[in-house]
N, C-alpha and C. Protein backbone atom coordinates (compact mmCIF):
# COMPACT_ATOMS: atom_id res chain seq x y z
N UNK A 1 35.84 111.21 -18.27
CA UNK A 1 35.24 110.19 -19.03
C UNK A 1 35.85 110.17 -20.45
N UNK A 2 35.09 109.58 -21.35
CA UNK A 2 35.58 109.47 -22.74
C UNK A 2 34.98 110.56 -23.67
N UNK A 3 35.80 111.09 -24.52
CA UNK A 3 35.31 112.06 -25.47
C UNK A 3 34.79 111.25 -26.73
N UNK A 4 33.49 110.96 -26.79
CA UNK A 4 32.94 110.10 -27.80
C UNK A 4 33.11 110.66 -29.20
N UNK A 5 33.39 111.99 -29.38
CA UNK A 5 33.54 112.54 -30.68
C UNK A 5 35.00 112.52 -31.17
N UNK A 6 35.84 112.03 -30.33
CA UNK A 6 37.33 112.00 -30.72
C UNK A 6 37.50 111.09 -31.93
N UNK A 7 38.30 111.51 -32.89
CA UNK A 7 38.67 110.81 -34.01
C UNK A 7 40.06 110.40 -34.02
N UNK A 8 40.36 109.14 -34.32
CA UNK A 8 41.74 108.57 -34.22
C UNK A 8 42.19 108.23 -35.68
N UNK A 9 43.42 108.58 -36.03
CA UNK A 9 44.09 108.00 -37.21
C UNK A 9 44.39 106.53 -36.82
N UNK A 10 44.65 105.73 -37.80
CA UNK A 10 44.82 104.26 -37.61
C UNK A 10 45.93 104.02 -36.60
N UNK A 11 47.06 104.69 -36.64
CA UNK A 11 48.16 104.46 -35.73
C UNK A 11 47.74 104.87 -34.25
N UNK A 12 47.05 105.90 -34.16
CA UNK A 12 46.60 106.43 -32.89
C UNK A 12 45.58 105.41 -32.25
N UNK A 13 44.68 104.97 -33.14
CA UNK A 13 43.71 103.95 -32.64
C UNK A 13 44.42 102.65 -32.23
N UNK A 14 45.42 102.29 -33.01
CA UNK A 14 46.16 101.10 -32.62
C UNK A 14 46.77 101.25 -31.26
N UNK A 15 47.32 102.40 -30.96
CA UNK A 15 47.97 102.57 -29.64
C UNK A 15 46.84 102.53 -28.62
N UNK A 16 45.66 103.03 -28.93
CA UNK A 16 44.59 103.08 -27.99
C UNK A 16 44.03 101.66 -27.56
N UNK A 17 44.02 100.76 -28.58
CA UNK A 17 43.49 99.45 -28.36
C UNK A 17 44.56 98.28 -28.26
N UNK A 18 45.88 98.72 -28.43
CA UNK A 18 46.86 97.69 -28.28
C UNK A 18 47.07 96.90 -29.49
N UNK A 19 46.86 97.44 -30.65
CA UNK A 19 47.12 96.69 -31.97
C UNK A 19 47.99 97.56 -32.81
N UNK A 20 48.68 96.92 -33.76
CA UNK A 20 49.45 97.74 -34.80
C UNK A 20 48.55 98.15 -35.88
N UNK A 21 48.94 99.16 -36.64
CA UNK A 21 48.23 99.64 -37.78
C UNK A 21 47.98 98.44 -38.78
N UNK A 22 48.97 97.69 -38.99
CA UNK A 22 48.89 96.46 -39.85
C UNK A 22 47.85 95.54 -39.38
N UNK A 23 47.78 95.29 -38.03
CA UNK A 23 46.77 94.38 -37.59
C UNK A 23 45.32 94.96 -37.80
N UNK A 24 45.21 96.16 -37.62
CA UNK A 24 43.88 96.86 -37.84
C UNK A 24 43.54 96.81 -39.29
N UNK A 25 44.48 97.00 -40.23
CA UNK A 25 44.15 96.89 -41.59
C UNK A 25 43.68 95.46 -42.00
N UNK A 26 44.37 94.48 -41.43
CA UNK A 26 43.90 93.13 -41.75
C UNK A 26 42.56 92.82 -41.20
N UNK A 27 42.26 93.34 -39.90
CA UNK A 27 40.98 93.19 -39.34
C UNK A 27 39.85 93.80 -40.16
N UNK A 28 40.27 94.99 -40.80
CA UNK A 28 39.30 95.66 -41.58
C UNK A 28 39.00 94.93 -42.93
N UNK A 29 40.16 94.42 -43.47
CA UNK A 29 39.93 93.65 -44.73
C UNK A 29 39.19 92.43 -44.61
N UNK A 30 39.39 91.69 -43.49
CA UNK A 30 38.68 90.34 -43.32
C UNK A 30 37.38 90.55 -42.64
N UNK A 31 36.98 91.75 -42.25
CA UNK A 31 35.62 91.96 -41.76
C UNK A 31 35.53 91.76 -40.22
N UNK A 32 36.66 91.49 -39.54
CA UNK A 32 36.64 91.20 -38.17
C UNK A 32 36.29 92.46 -37.32
N UNK A 33 36.92 93.54 -37.78
CA UNK A 33 36.58 94.87 -37.11
C UNK A 33 36.73 95.99 -38.24
N UNK A 34 35.63 96.45 -38.62
CA UNK A 34 35.65 97.41 -39.78
C UNK A 34 35.96 98.84 -39.31
N UNK A 35 36.81 99.46 -40.20
CA UNK A 35 37.13 100.90 -39.97
C UNK A 35 36.08 101.76 -40.57
N UNK A 36 36.12 103.05 -40.26
CA UNK A 36 35.33 104.07 -40.93
C UNK A 36 36.25 104.65 -41.99
N UNK A 37 35.71 105.27 -43.01
CA UNK A 37 36.48 105.80 -44.10
C UNK A 37 36.13 107.31 -44.40
N UNK A 38 37.22 108.09 -44.56
CA UNK A 38 36.97 109.53 -44.90
C UNK A 38 36.64 109.58 -46.36
N UNK A 39 36.20 110.77 -46.83
CA UNK A 39 35.89 110.95 -48.26
C UNK A 39 37.11 110.82 -49.15
N UNK A 40 38.28 111.00 -48.53
CA UNK A 40 39.51 110.83 -49.32
C UNK A 40 40.08 109.39 -49.31
N UNK A 41 39.36 108.51 -48.73
CA UNK A 41 39.81 107.06 -48.66
C UNK A 41 40.72 106.68 -47.57
N UNK A 42 40.75 107.44 -46.46
CA UNK A 42 41.61 107.09 -45.34
C UNK A 42 40.79 106.42 -44.24
N UNK A 43 41.33 105.41 -43.58
CA UNK A 43 40.66 104.83 -42.41
C UNK A 43 40.74 105.69 -41.25
N UNK A 44 39.68 105.73 -40.43
CA UNK A 44 39.71 106.41 -39.15
C UNK A 44 38.77 105.70 -38.17
N UNK A 45 38.92 106.02 -36.88
CA UNK A 45 38.15 105.34 -35.81
C UNK A 45 37.78 106.46 -34.87
N UNK A 46 36.76 106.06 -34.07
CA UNK A 46 36.25 106.96 -33.04
C UNK A 46 36.35 106.32 -31.68
N UNK A 47 36.12 107.07 -30.57
CA UNK A 47 36.16 106.51 -29.27
C UNK A 47 35.01 105.47 -29.18
N UNK A 48 33.93 105.62 -29.80
CA UNK A 48 32.86 104.57 -29.72
C UNK A 48 33.42 103.34 -30.43
N UNK A 49 34.26 103.36 -31.39
CA UNK A 49 34.92 102.19 -31.94
C UNK A 49 35.77 101.51 -30.97
N UNK A 50 36.56 102.33 -30.19
CA UNK A 50 37.37 101.75 -29.16
C UNK A 50 36.60 100.95 -28.17
N UNK A 51 35.42 101.49 -27.79
CA UNK A 51 34.59 100.80 -26.78
C UNK A 51 33.99 99.59 -27.29
N UNK A 52 33.79 99.46 -28.59
CA UNK A 52 33.15 98.25 -29.07
C UNK A 52 34.25 97.32 -29.58
N UNK A 53 35.53 97.74 -29.54
CA UNK A 53 36.62 96.85 -29.98
C UNK A 53 36.67 95.62 -29.03
N UNK A 54 36.99 94.41 -29.62
CA UNK A 54 37.14 93.26 -28.78
C UNK A 54 37.97 93.51 -27.58
N UNK A 55 37.48 93.28 -26.41
CA UNK A 55 38.20 93.60 -25.19
C UNK A 55 37.80 94.91 -24.64
N UNK A 56 36.93 95.60 -25.30
CA UNK A 56 36.42 96.91 -24.85
C UNK A 56 37.38 98.05 -24.94
N UNK A 57 38.45 97.84 -25.75
CA UNK A 57 39.45 98.93 -25.95
C UNK A 57 40.37 99.08 -24.78
N UNK A 58 40.33 98.09 -23.82
CA UNK A 58 41.24 98.24 -22.73
C UNK A 58 42.57 97.58 -23.11
N UNK A 59 43.65 98.28 -22.91
CA UNK A 59 44.93 97.82 -23.40
C UNK A 59 45.75 97.30 -22.16
N UNK A 60 46.14 96.03 -22.35
CA UNK A 60 47.04 95.45 -21.27
C UNK A 60 48.44 96.01 -21.59
N UNK A 61 49.25 96.24 -20.50
CA UNK A 61 50.58 96.64 -20.71
C UNK A 61 51.33 95.76 -21.63
N UNK A 62 52.08 96.30 -22.60
CA UNK A 62 52.79 95.46 -23.59
C UNK A 62 53.88 94.70 -22.89
N UNK A 63 54.16 93.43 -23.23
CA UNK A 63 55.23 92.73 -22.75
C UNK A 63 54.94 92.12 -21.31
N UNK A 64 53.76 92.25 -20.85
CA UNK A 64 53.44 91.68 -19.59
C UNK A 64 52.51 90.52 -19.69
N UNK A 65 52.98 89.35 -19.29
CA UNK A 65 52.16 88.18 -19.32
C UNK A 65 52.03 87.64 -17.84
N UNK A 66 50.92 87.57 -17.38
CA UNK A 66 50.74 87.15 -15.94
C UNK A 66 49.81 85.94 -15.93
N UNK A 67 50.19 84.98 -15.10
CA UNK A 67 49.35 83.72 -14.90
C UNK A 67 49.08 83.63 -13.44
N UNK A 68 47.86 83.63 -13.04
CA UNK A 68 47.57 83.34 -11.58
C UNK A 68 46.98 82.00 -11.44
N UNK A 69 47.50 81.28 -10.51
CA UNK A 69 47.02 79.97 -10.13
C UNK A 69 46.35 80.06 -8.78
N UNK A 70 45.13 79.59 -8.72
CA UNK A 70 44.43 79.72 -7.37
C UNK A 70 43.77 78.34 -7.07
N UNK A 71 43.69 78.09 -5.74
CA UNK A 71 42.90 76.91 -5.29
C UNK A 71 41.91 77.47 -4.22
N UNK A 72 40.97 76.56 -3.85
CA UNK A 72 39.93 77.05 -2.96
C UNK A 72 40.23 77.10 -1.47
N UNK A 73 41.36 76.53 -1.15
CA UNK A 73 41.57 76.56 0.34
C UNK A 73 43.01 75.97 0.67
N UNK A 74 43.28 76.13 1.93
CA UNK A 74 44.57 75.63 2.41
C UNK A 74 44.83 74.15 2.16
N UNK A 75 43.83 73.36 2.29
CA UNK A 75 43.92 71.89 1.99
C UNK A 75 44.30 71.54 0.56
N UNK A 76 44.26 72.50 -0.33
CA UNK A 76 44.49 72.19 -1.79
C UNK A 76 45.91 72.72 -2.18
N UNK A 77 46.83 72.80 -1.30
CA UNK A 77 48.19 73.26 -1.66
C UNK A 77 48.89 72.35 -2.70
N UNK A 78 48.67 71.03 -2.62
CA UNK A 78 49.25 70.15 -3.71
C UNK A 78 48.67 70.55 -5.00
N UNK A 79 47.39 70.78 -5.10
CA UNK A 79 46.84 71.17 -6.37
C UNK A 79 47.49 72.47 -6.91
N UNK A 80 47.75 73.43 -5.96
CA UNK A 80 48.36 74.69 -6.37
C UNK A 80 49.76 74.34 -6.92
N UNK A 81 50.48 73.53 -6.22
CA UNK A 81 51.88 73.15 -6.77
C UNK A 81 51.83 72.61 -8.09
N UNK A 82 50.78 71.74 -8.36
CA UNK A 82 50.65 71.18 -9.76
C UNK A 82 50.31 72.20 -10.78
N UNK A 83 49.41 73.13 -10.41
CA UNK A 83 49.11 74.11 -11.37
C UNK A 83 50.33 75.01 -11.66
N UNK A 84 51.07 75.36 -10.57
CA UNK A 84 52.25 76.24 -10.91
C UNK A 84 53.26 75.50 -11.73
N UNK A 85 53.50 74.30 -11.39
CA UNK A 85 54.36 73.41 -12.27
C UNK A 85 54.02 73.42 -13.73
N UNK A 86 52.73 73.27 -13.93
CA UNK A 86 52.22 73.22 -15.32
C UNK A 86 52.41 74.50 -16.01
N UNK A 87 52.13 75.64 -15.37
CA UNK A 87 52.29 76.98 -15.96
C UNK A 87 53.81 77.27 -16.22
N UNK A 88 54.66 76.91 -15.24
CA UNK A 88 56.04 77.20 -15.39
C UNK A 88 56.61 76.36 -16.66
N UNK A 89 56.07 75.09 -16.83
CA UNK A 89 56.50 74.37 -17.89
C UNK A 89 55.91 74.88 -19.21
N UNK A 90 54.70 75.40 -19.24
CA UNK A 90 54.02 75.89 -20.41
C UNK A 90 54.78 77.17 -20.93
N UNK A 91 55.17 78.06 -20.00
CA UNK A 91 55.78 79.36 -20.40
C UNK A 91 56.96 79.17 -21.38
N UNK A 92 58.02 78.50 -20.94
CA UNK A 92 59.17 78.43 -21.84
C UNK A 92 58.85 77.68 -23.15
N UNK A 93 57.94 76.68 -23.12
CA UNK A 93 57.48 75.98 -24.29
C UNK A 93 56.81 76.85 -25.28
N UNK A 94 56.16 77.88 -24.76
CA UNK A 94 55.41 78.84 -25.64
C UNK A 94 56.31 80.07 -25.96
N UNK A 95 57.61 79.93 -25.55
CA UNK A 95 58.49 81.08 -25.90
C UNK A 95 58.37 82.25 -24.94
N UNK A 96 57.74 82.10 -23.77
CA UNK A 96 57.60 83.21 -22.85
C UNK A 96 58.53 82.98 -21.73
N UNK A 97 59.39 83.98 -21.45
CA UNK A 97 60.33 83.85 -20.31
C UNK A 97 59.53 84.08 -18.94
N UNK A 98 59.60 83.14 -18.05
CA UNK A 98 58.87 83.19 -16.87
C UNK A 98 59.73 83.49 -15.65
N UNK A 99 59.25 84.15 -14.71
CA UNK A 99 59.88 84.41 -13.43
C UNK A 99 58.82 84.16 -12.42
N UNK A 100 59.17 83.73 -11.26
CA UNK A 100 58.24 83.43 -10.18
C UNK A 100 57.79 84.74 -9.49
N UNK A 101 56.56 84.89 -9.23
CA UNK A 101 56.01 85.98 -8.45
C UNK A 101 55.70 85.56 -7.10
N UNK A 102 54.60 86.18 -6.58
CA UNK A 102 54.22 85.89 -5.15
C UNK A 102 53.65 84.47 -5.08
N UNK A 103 53.82 83.98 -3.81
CA UNK A 103 53.26 82.67 -3.51
C UNK A 103 52.47 82.82 -2.20
N UNK A 104 51.23 83.19 -2.29
CA UNK A 104 50.40 83.47 -1.10
C UNK A 104 49.64 82.17 -0.87
N UNK A 105 49.11 82.07 0.40
CA UNK A 105 48.37 80.97 0.72
C UNK A 105 47.11 80.88 -0.23
N UNK A 106 47.03 79.76 -0.89
CA UNK A 106 45.92 79.57 -1.82
C UNK A 106 46.02 80.18 -3.22
N UNK A 107 47.19 80.86 -3.48
CA UNK A 107 47.36 81.46 -4.76
C UNK A 107 48.80 81.62 -5.20
N UNK A 108 49.15 81.69 -6.38
CA UNK A 108 50.47 81.86 -6.85
C UNK A 108 50.44 82.63 -8.15
N UNK A 109 51.34 83.58 -8.31
CA UNK A 109 51.40 84.36 -9.50
C UNK A 109 52.75 84.15 -10.26
N UNK A 110 52.72 83.94 -11.49
CA UNK A 110 53.92 83.74 -12.27
C UNK A 110 53.93 84.80 -13.33
N UNK A 111 54.96 85.63 -13.42
CA UNK A 111 54.92 86.81 -14.45
C UNK A 111 56.16 86.81 -15.15
N UNK A 112 56.08 87.28 -16.44
CA UNK A 112 57.25 87.44 -17.29
C UNK A 112 57.77 88.84 -17.22
N UNK A 113 57.20 89.72 -16.50
CA UNK A 113 57.63 91.07 -16.27
C UNK A 113 57.14 91.56 -14.94
N UNK A 114 57.31 92.84 -14.66
CA UNK A 114 56.80 93.39 -13.46
C UNK A 114 55.32 93.02 -13.30
N UNK A 115 54.96 92.73 -12.03
CA UNK A 115 53.62 92.32 -11.82
C UNK A 115 53.08 92.99 -10.47
N UNK A 116 52.02 93.58 -10.51
CA UNK A 116 51.55 94.38 -9.31
C UNK A 116 51.12 93.47 -8.13
N UNK A 117 50.96 92.14 -8.42
CA UNK A 117 50.57 91.25 -7.33
C UNK A 117 51.72 90.57 -6.64
N UNK A 118 53.01 91.10 -6.87
CA UNK A 118 54.11 90.49 -6.19
C UNK A 118 54.28 91.07 -4.83
């Protein structure tokens, strides 16, 4: 389980929650996510902070963007094709390099990196 007494320096905490130290400083300054402070004026965080971090402190693998398109049944394959086309068109327009993943009955996955659902 988690060691709730664990203390993280800002860079360690950033790695824990998937943010850079700079992003954490900005979040602290603007009040989005406040840091704790040592007596010597250094920011620090705890495991409890990681669990209350937006997203629960779960870190998605860096560089992995996955889009899954799903429909409710076999009769909706045209809808699935339209969804996939829209996502394939969106990716390059947003600067995300896309590759096609699996195309199962009723679902399709489009990933910019390795994807476990292929």
